[in-house]
Amino acid sequence: MTRVAAGEPALAVGPSDGPPGPEATPPAPPLPAALERAVREYLAHLTVERGLSPNTVAAYRRDLARYAAYLAARGRTEPAEVSAADVAEYVTTVRTGSDGAALLSPSSTARSVAAVRGWHRFCALEGHTGTDPSAEVRPPAQGKRLPKAISTDEVEAILEAAGAGEGPAPLRDRALLELVYSTGARISEAVSLDVDDLDLETGAVRLFGKGGKERVVPVGSYAVRALDAYLVRSRPALAATGRGTPAVFLNTRGARLSRQSAWAVLRTAAERAGLEHPERISPHTLRHSFATHLLAGGADVRVVQELLGHASVTTTQIYTLVTRDTLREVYASAHPRALG
């Protein structure tokens, strides 16, 4: 059985996934010990044995804290007391916002249900319960949401804007965004890079994705030149203020650049580039654009799957819907007999 480290803070129970506002609700009452212990064991299992990312584990922690509070309010004090009706009614409350529960988006609801089902399955396997009351409960169906992608001209405008200005930061910012767009890397993968993960001579980079999965992907010539310029002319100045971290991308204190700072780099560049609705541009926008532009250029979906680090090609295939829509638009506007 998975062991849980002592001294961990109590599970946070809140009405939503966001930070508390100025009129935050008072702290929830303590959870029954058996429920809290079982949740902790499952989170430790996800971290240690399954190797899920800290962000994913944090999301599951919030989902299960919400669920445990719901069970406690219904008088359930341990996993074995939970029925299939309890699970089904919980799914209804988060989908509809009934009974004072927070109304979750379809994607958040699906993740919450996945967390609940995973926890119950874990409890059954660990012997905390004799059966799995969530076995027949399915998450609500989600409509296919097309990824947000921007044009190549808009990408180029962002990259140019990122590299404008004096000092070491513009070279770093240009190299960071060139790398993300060139490789389709998640922003967490990019800021986690160490210098030894780069091979600019062959134009390749080693990325560590979800669950610690490693993949080596090619780096385009534009990104190679941007990285070379940053490593030679900018990174040494930033590193001089720090303590010798091996990170590729450094902040002004010489430490590893954070995800939040990398997000701010892109947002600022989008604003400088004059893009419409720059607040909608995120690091994932470049990742989505990378995949969409590759498929539009004729790349095989299996190749794009490998480059993105998707475990299943089904995840990648949603990008083909984007390119099909573009084809329809071009056809409708260009073919002489498309519209009658």
Protein backbone atom coordinates (compact mmCIF):
# COMPACT_ATOMS: atom_id res chain seq x y z
CA MET A 1 0.00 0.00 0.00
CA THR A 2 1.17 3.51 -0.78
CA ARG A 3 2.59 5.32 2.22
CA VAL A 4 1.76 8.94 2.91
CA ALA A 5 4.32 11.38 4.22
CA ALA A 6 3.57 12.73 7.65
CA GLY A 7 2.98 16.38 8.31
CA GLU A 8 1.10 17.17 5.09
CA PRO A 9 -1.35 20.09 5.28
CA ALA A 10 -5.05 19.40 5.50
CA LEU A 11 -6.89 18.90 2.23
CA ALA A 12 -8.13 22.23 0.91
CA VAL A 13 -11.89 22.25 0.41
CA GLY A 14 -13.29 25.13 -1.59
CA PRO A 15 -16.23 25.95 -3.83
CA SER A 16 -14.19 26.44 -7.00
CA ASP A 17 -10.87 25.84 -8.66
CA GLY A 18 -9.86 29.51 -8.46
CA PRO A 19 -8.19 31.47 -5.65
CA PRO A 20 -10.45 32.83 -2.89
CA GLY A 21 -11.83 36.31 -3.39
CA PRO A 22 -12.05 39.13 -0.86
CA GLU A 23 -15.22 37.55 0.55
CA ALA A 24 -13.97 33.98 0.61
CA THR A 25 -16.10 31.39 2.37
CA PRO A 26 -14.94 30.35 5.86
CA PRO A 27 -12.84 27.18 6.13
CA ALA A 28 -14.82 23.98 5.83
CA PRO A 29 -15.08 21.67 8.84
CA PRO A 30 -12.47 18.90 9.09
CA LEU A 31 -13.08 15.83 6.98
CA PRO A 32 -13.65 12.42 8.57
CA ALA A 33 -10.24 10.87 9.21
CA ALA A 34 -10.87 7.73 7.13
CA LEU A 35 -11.93 9.73 4.07
CA GLU A 36 -9.01 12.12 4.33
CA ARG A 37 -6.53 9.29 4.81
CA ALA A 38 -7.84 7.42 1.75
CA VAL A 39 -7.63 10.56 -0.38
CA ARG A 40 -4.06 11.19 0.76
CA GLU A 41 -3.06 7.63 -0.10
CA TYR A 42 -4.48 7.99 -3.59
CA LEU A 43 -2.72 11.32 -4.19
CA ALA A 44 0.55 9.76 -3.03
CA HIS A 45 -0.08 6.88 -5.44
CA LEU A 46 -0.58 9.34 -8.32
CA THR A 47 2.61 11.19 -7.43
CA VAL A 48 4.99 8.35 -6.59
CA GLU A 49 3.76 5.31 -8.50
CA ARG A 50 2.10 6.86 -11.56
CA GLY A 51 4.40 9.87 -11.83
CA LEU A 52 1.70 12.43 -12.64
CA SER A 53 2.75 16.07 -12.86
CA PRO A 54 2.40 18.35 -9.82
CA ASN A 55 -0.23 20.40 -11.67
CA THR A 56 -2.36 17.33 -12.38
CA VAL A 57 -2.06 16.08 -8.80
CA ALA A 58 -3.02 19.54 -7.50
CA ALA A 59 -6.14 19.50 -9.68
CA TYR A 60 -7.08 16.03 -8.40
CA ARG A 61 -6.48 17.22 -4.85
CA ARG A 62 -9.04 20.01 -5.30
CA ASP A 63 -11.52 17.67 -6.99
CA LEU A 64 -11.28 15.03 -4.28
CA ALA A 65 -11.37 17.57 -1.45
CA ARG A 66 -14.65 18.84 -2.92
CA TYR A 67 -15.97 15.30 -3.25
CA ALA A 68 -14.91 14.29 0.27
CA ALA A 69 -16.66 17.36 1.69
CA TYR A 70 -19.80 16.35 -0.22
CA LEU A 71 -19.63 12.82 1.21
CA ALA A 72 -19.07 14.11 4.74
CA ALA A 73 -22.11 16.36 4.42
CA ARG A 74 -24.15 13.25 3.54
CA GLY A 75 -22.92 11.48 6.66
CA ARG A 76 -20.38 9.23 4.96
CA THR A 77 -17.30 8.83 7.15
CA GLU A 78 -15.30 6.19 5.24
CA PRO A 79 -15.05 4.95 1.63
CA ALA A 80 -16.95 1.72 2.32
CA GLU A 81 -20.09 3.72 3.16
CA VAL A 82 -20.31 5.38 -0.26
CA SER A 83 -23.01 4.05 -2.62
CA ALA A 84 -23.45 4.28 -6.38
CA ALA A 85 -26.31 6.72 -5.72
CA ASP A 86 -23.94 9.00 -3.80
CA VAL A 87 -21.55 9.12 -6.74
CA ALA A 88 -24.31 9.67 -9.32
CA GLU A 89 -25.89 12.47 -7.32
CA TYR A 90 -22.51 14.15 -6.86
CA VAL A 91 -21.97 14.18 -10.62
CA THR A 92 -25.38 15.81 -10.99
CA THR A 93 -24.56 18.52 -8.46
CA VAL A 94 -21.33 19.59 -10.14
CA ARG A 95 -22.97 19.55 -13.57
CA THR A 96 -25.95 21.64 -12.54
CA GLY A 97 -24.65 23.64 -9.56
CA SER A 98 -27.53 22.28 -7.47
CA ASP A 99 -27.49 21.92 -3.68
CA GLY A 100 -25.20 24.93 -3.39
CA ALA A 101 -22.36 23.19 -5.24
CA ALA A 102 -20.04 25.04 -7.59
CA LEU A 103 -21.11 24.81 -11.23
CA LEU A 104 -18.17 23.34 -13.13
CA SER A 105 -17.44 23.60 -16.83
CA PRO A 106 -17.87 20.41 -18.90
CA SER A 107 -14.11 19.84 -19.01
CA SER A 108 -13.72 20.42 -15.26
CA THR A 109 -16.68 18.14 -14.60
CA ALA A 110 -15.10 15.40 -16.70
CA ARG A 111 -11.82 15.75 -14.82
CA SER A 112 -13.63 15.73 -11.47
CA VAL A 113 -15.52 12.56 -12.37
CA ALA A 114 -12.26 10.96 -13.53
CA ALA A 115 -10.69 11.82 -10.17
CA VAL A 116 -13.65 10.35 -8.26
CA ARG A 117 -13.70 7.15 -10.31
CA GLY A 118 -9.93 6.75 -10.00
CA TRP A 119 -10.13 7.17 -6.24
CA HIS A 120 -12.92 4.61 -5.82
CA ARG A 121 -11.08 2.13 -8.05
CA PHE A 122 -7.95 2.66 -5.93
CA CYS A 123 -9.93 2.13 -2.70
CA ALA A 124 -11.30 -1.16 -4.03
CA LEU A 125 -7.86 -2.38 -5.09
CA GLU A 126 -6.35 -1.39 -1.73
CA GLY A 127 -9.08 -3.22 0.18
CA HIS A 128 -10.70 -0.13 1.70
CA THR A 129 -13.97 -1.16 0.02
CA GLY A 130 -15.42 -4.40 -1.25
CA THR A 131 -16.80 -2.89 -4.45
CA ASP A 132 -16.37 0.16 -6.66
CA PRO A 133 -19.55 2.29 -6.42
CA SER A 134 -18.40 4.49 -9.30
CA ALA A 135 -17.96 1.66 -11.81
CA GLU A 136 -21.18 2.44 -13.71
CA VAL A 137 -20.90 6.24 -13.51
CA ARG A 138 -19.67 7.93 -16.65
CA PRO A 139 -18.57 11.54 -17.14
CA PRO A 140 -20.91 13.76 -19.17
CA ALA A 141 -20.26 13.78 -22.89
CA GLN A 142 -18.30 16.80 -24.04
CA GLY A 143 -18.65 18.51 -27.36
CA LYS A 144 -15.48 18.61 -29.41
CA ARG A 145 -13.71 21.87 -28.75
CA LEU A 146 -11.45 23.00 -31.56
CA PRO A 147 -8.01 24.13 -30.47
CA LYS A 148 -7.27 27.83 -30.80
CA ALA A 149 -4.72 28.49 -33.50
CA ILE A 150 -3.39 31.67 -35.04
CA SER A 151 -2.02 32.29 -38.52
CA THR A 152 1.63 32.06 -39.46
CA ASP A 153 1.68 35.83 -39.99
CA GLU A 154 0.43 36.35 -36.43
CA VAL A 155 3.02 33.92 -35.08
CA GLU A 156 5.78 35.80 -36.90
CA ALA A 157 4.49 39.12 -35.55
CA ILE A 158 4.64 37.75 -31.98
CA LEU A 159 8.17 36.42 -32.46
CA GLU A 160 9.39 39.71 -33.90
CA ALA A 161 7.82 41.66 -31.03
CA ALA A 162 9.35 39.33 -28.43
CA GLY A 163 12.85 40.04 -29.72
CA ALA A 164 12.50 43.82 -29.88
CA GLY A 165 14.39 45.95 -27.37
CA GLU A 166 17.72 46.14 -25.60
CA GLY A 167 19.35 44.00 -22.92
CA PRO A 168 19.39 40.24 -22.36
CA ALA A 169 15.62 39.74 -21.96
CA PRO A 170 14.55 40.20 -25.62
CA LEU A 171 17.01 37.57 -26.86
CA ARG A 172 15.76 35.17 -24.18
CA ASP A 173 12.12 35.90 -24.97
CA ARG A 174 12.59 35.39 -28.70
CA ALA A 175 14.47 32.13 -28.13
CA LEU A 176 11.79 30.84 -25.75
CA LEU A 177 8.87 31.52 -28.09
CA GLU A 178 10.76 30.35 -31.18
CA LEU A 179 11.46 27.05 -29.38
CA VAL A 180 7.84 26.58 -28.27
CA TYR A 181 6.47 27.19 -31.77
CA SER A 182 9.25 25.20 -33.47
CA THR A 183 8.77 22.09 -31.33
CA GLY A 184 5.18 22.27 -30.08
CA ALA A 185 6.52 22.03 -26.52
CA ARG A 186 4.27 22.66 -23.55
CA ILE A 187 5.41 25.76 -21.69
CA SER A 188 6.20 23.60 -18.64
CA GLU A 189 8.46 21.46 -20.83
CA ALA A 190 10.25 24.53 -22.22
CA VAL A 191 11.00 26.17 -18.88
CA SER A 192 12.13 22.81 -17.45
CA LEU A 193 14.86 22.44 -20.05
CA ASP A 194 18.50 22.27 -18.98
CA VAL A 195 21.35 23.25 -21.26
CA ASP A 196 22.34 19.59 -21.70
CA ASP A 197 18.89 18.89 -23.18
CA LEU A 198 19.72 21.02 -26.23
CA ASP A 199 21.72 19.76 -29.20
CA LEU A 200 21.92 22.74 -31.52
CA GLU A 201 24.50 21.08 -33.78
CA THR A 202 21.99 18.46 -34.91
CA GLY A 203 18.95 20.66 -34.27
CA ALA A 204 17.24 18.56 -31.61
CA VAL A 205 15.91 18.96 -28.08
CA ARG A 206 15.00 16.45 -25.39
CA LEU A 207 11.65 17.20 -23.78
CA PHE A 208 10.13 15.64 -20.67
CA GLY A 209 6.36 15.52 -20.92
CA LYS A 210 3.50 14.38 -18.73
CA GLY A 211 4.36 11.49 -16.46
CA GLY A 212 8.07 12.08 -17.09
CA LYS A 213 7.81 10.66 -20.63
CA GLU A 214 10.87 11.65 -22.67
CA ARG A 215 10.86 12.50 -26.35
CA VAL A 216 13.45 13.98 -28.71
CA VAL A 217 12.07 16.38 -31.31
CA PRO A 218 13.67 18.42 -34.09
CA VAL A 219 14.26 22.15 -33.74
CA GLY A 220 13.85 24.37 -36.79
CA SER A 221 16.65 26.58 -38.07
CA TYR A 222 14.99 29.81 -36.95
CA ALA A 223 14.74 28.51 -33.39
CA VAL A 224 18.31 27.17 -33.50
CA ARG A 225 19.62 30.60 -34.47
CA ALA A 226 17.53 32.31 -31.78
CA LEU A 227 18.73 29.86 -29.13
CA ASP A 228 22.34 30.21 -30.20
CA ALA A 229 22.13 34.00 -30.00
CA TYR A 230 20.55 33.79 -26.54
CA LEU A 231 23.02 31.25 -25.15
CA VAL A 232 26.06 33.17 -26.41
CA ARG A 233 25.05 36.81 -25.95
CA SER A 234 22.35 36.88 -23.27
CA ARG A 235 22.31 33.89 -20.93
CA PRO A 236 25.80 34.53 -19.48
CA ALA A 237 24.70 37.99 -18.31
CA LEU A 238 21.59 36.55 -16.66
CA ALA A 239 23.53 33.64 -15.14
CA ALA A 240 26.05 36.01 -13.56
CA THR A 241 23.42 37.13 -11.05
CA GLY A 242 22.45 33.59 -10.01
CA ARG A 243 23.90 30.46 -8.44
CA GLY A 244 24.83 28.40 -11.47
CA THR A 245 21.55 26.70 -12.39
CA PRO A 246 21.68 24.47 -15.50
CA ALA A 247 18.34 25.84 -16.72
CA VAL A 248 18.24 27.10 -20.28
CA PHE A 249 15.88 29.99 -19.66
CA LEU A 250 16.79 32.28 -16.76
CA ASN A 251 15.08 35.22 -15.10
CA THR A 252 16.79 38.47 -14.16
CA ARG A 253 17.94 36.92 -10.85
CA GLY A 254 19.75 34.12 -12.64
CA ALA A 255 17.23 31.47 -11.58
CA ARG A 256 15.04 29.23 -13.75
CA LEU A 257 12.28 31.14 -15.53
CA SER A 258 8.85 30.20 -14.15
CA ARG A 259 5.78 29.15 -16.12
CA GLN A 260 4.03 32.32 -15.03
CA SER A 261 6.88 34.50 -16.27
CA ALA A 262 6.98 32.62 -19.57
CA TRP A 263 3.24 33.20 -19.95
CA ALA A 264 3.81 36.92 -19.33
CA VAL A 265 6.52 36.97 -22.02
CA LEU A 266 4.03 35.71 -24.60
CA ARG A 267 1.21 37.99 -23.46
CA THR A 268 3.46 41.04 -23.67
CA ALA A 269 4.70 40.06 -27.13
CA ALA A 270 1.13 39.56 -28.37
CA GLU A 271 0.20 43.02 -27.12
CA ARG A 272 3.24 44.62 -28.77
CA ALA A 273 2.46 42.81 -32.02
CA GLY A 274 -0.98 44.43 -32.07
CA LEU A 275 -2.90 41.17 -32.21
CA GLU A 276 -6.63 41.31 -31.73
CA HIS A 277 -7.63 40.06 -28.27
CA PRO A 278 -4.07 39.47 -27.03
CA GLU A 279 -5.49 38.34 -23.68
CA ARG A 280 -6.65 35.16 -25.43
CA ILE A 281 -3.14 34.24 -26.53
CA SER A 282 -1.54 31.62 -24.29
CA PRO A 283 1.50 29.34 -24.55
CA HIS A 284 -0.88 26.59 -25.64
CA THR A 285 -1.88 28.83 -28.56
CA LEU A 286 1.60 28.36 -30.01
CA ARG A 287 1.42 24.61 -29.37
CA HIS A 288 -1.98 24.40 -31.08
CA SER A 289 -0.72 26.54 -33.97
CA PHE A 290 2.33 24.28 -34.34
CA ALA A 291 0.10 21.21 -34.79
CA THR A 292 -2.45 22.93 -37.00
CA HIS A 293 0.18 24.39 -39.32
CA LEU A 294 1.97 21.05 -39.63
CA LEU A 295 -1.22 19.22 -40.59
CA ALA A 296 -2.23 21.98 -43.00
CA GLY A 297 1.19 21.56 -44.61
CA GLY A 298 0.61 17.84 -45.18
CA ALA A 299 2.20 16.24 -42.10
CA ASP A 300 0.90 12.81 -41.08
CA VAL A 301 -1.22 12.86 -37.92
CA ARG A 302 0.91 10.07 -36.41
CA VAL A 303 4.04 12.17 -36.81
CA VAL A 304 2.33 15.15 -35.17
CA GLN A 305 1.23 12.84 -32.35
CA GLU A 306 4.85 11.90 -31.65
CA LEU A 307 6.03 15.50 -31.83
CA LEU A 308 3.35 16.66 -29.38
CA GLY A 309 3.92 13.75 -27.00
CA HIS A 310 0.29 12.63 -27.07
CA ALA A 311 -0.27 9.16 -25.65
CA SER A 312 -3.16 8.55 -28.06
CA VAL A 313 -3.63 9.62 -31.66
CA THR A 314 -7.25 10.38 -30.79
CA THR A 315 -6.07 13.46 -28.91
CA THR A 316 -4.14 14.65 -31.95
CA GLN A 317 -6.96 14.01 -34.43
CA ILE A 318 -8.97 16.94 -33.13
CA TYR A 319 -6.52 19.17 -35.00
CA THR A 320 -7.63 17.61 -38.28
CA LEU A 321 -11.05 19.20 -37.72
CA VAL A 322 -9.39 22.60 -37.82
CA THR A 323 -7.74 21.93 -41.16
CA ARG A 324 -10.95 20.47 -42.61
CA ASP A 325 -12.82 23.63 -41.68
CA THR A 326 -10.14 25.70 -43.40
CA LEU A 327 -10.42 23.54 -46.51
CA ARG A 328 -14.18 24.04 -46.59
CA GLU A 329 -13.80 27.80 -46.30
CA VAL A 330 -11.24 27.94 -49.11
CA TYR A 331 -13.36 25.66 -51.29
CA ALA A 332 -16.52 27.69 -50.71
CA SER A 333 -14.80 30.94 -51.61
CA ALA A 334 -12.68 29.70 -54.53
CA HIS A 335 -14.57 27.02 -56.43
CA PRO A 336 -16.84 28.46 -59.17
CA ARG A 337 -19.64 25.97 -58.45
CA ALA A 338 -19.30 25.63 -54.69
CA LEU A 339 -22.24 27.92 -54.00
CA GLY A 340 -25.35 28.18 -56.10
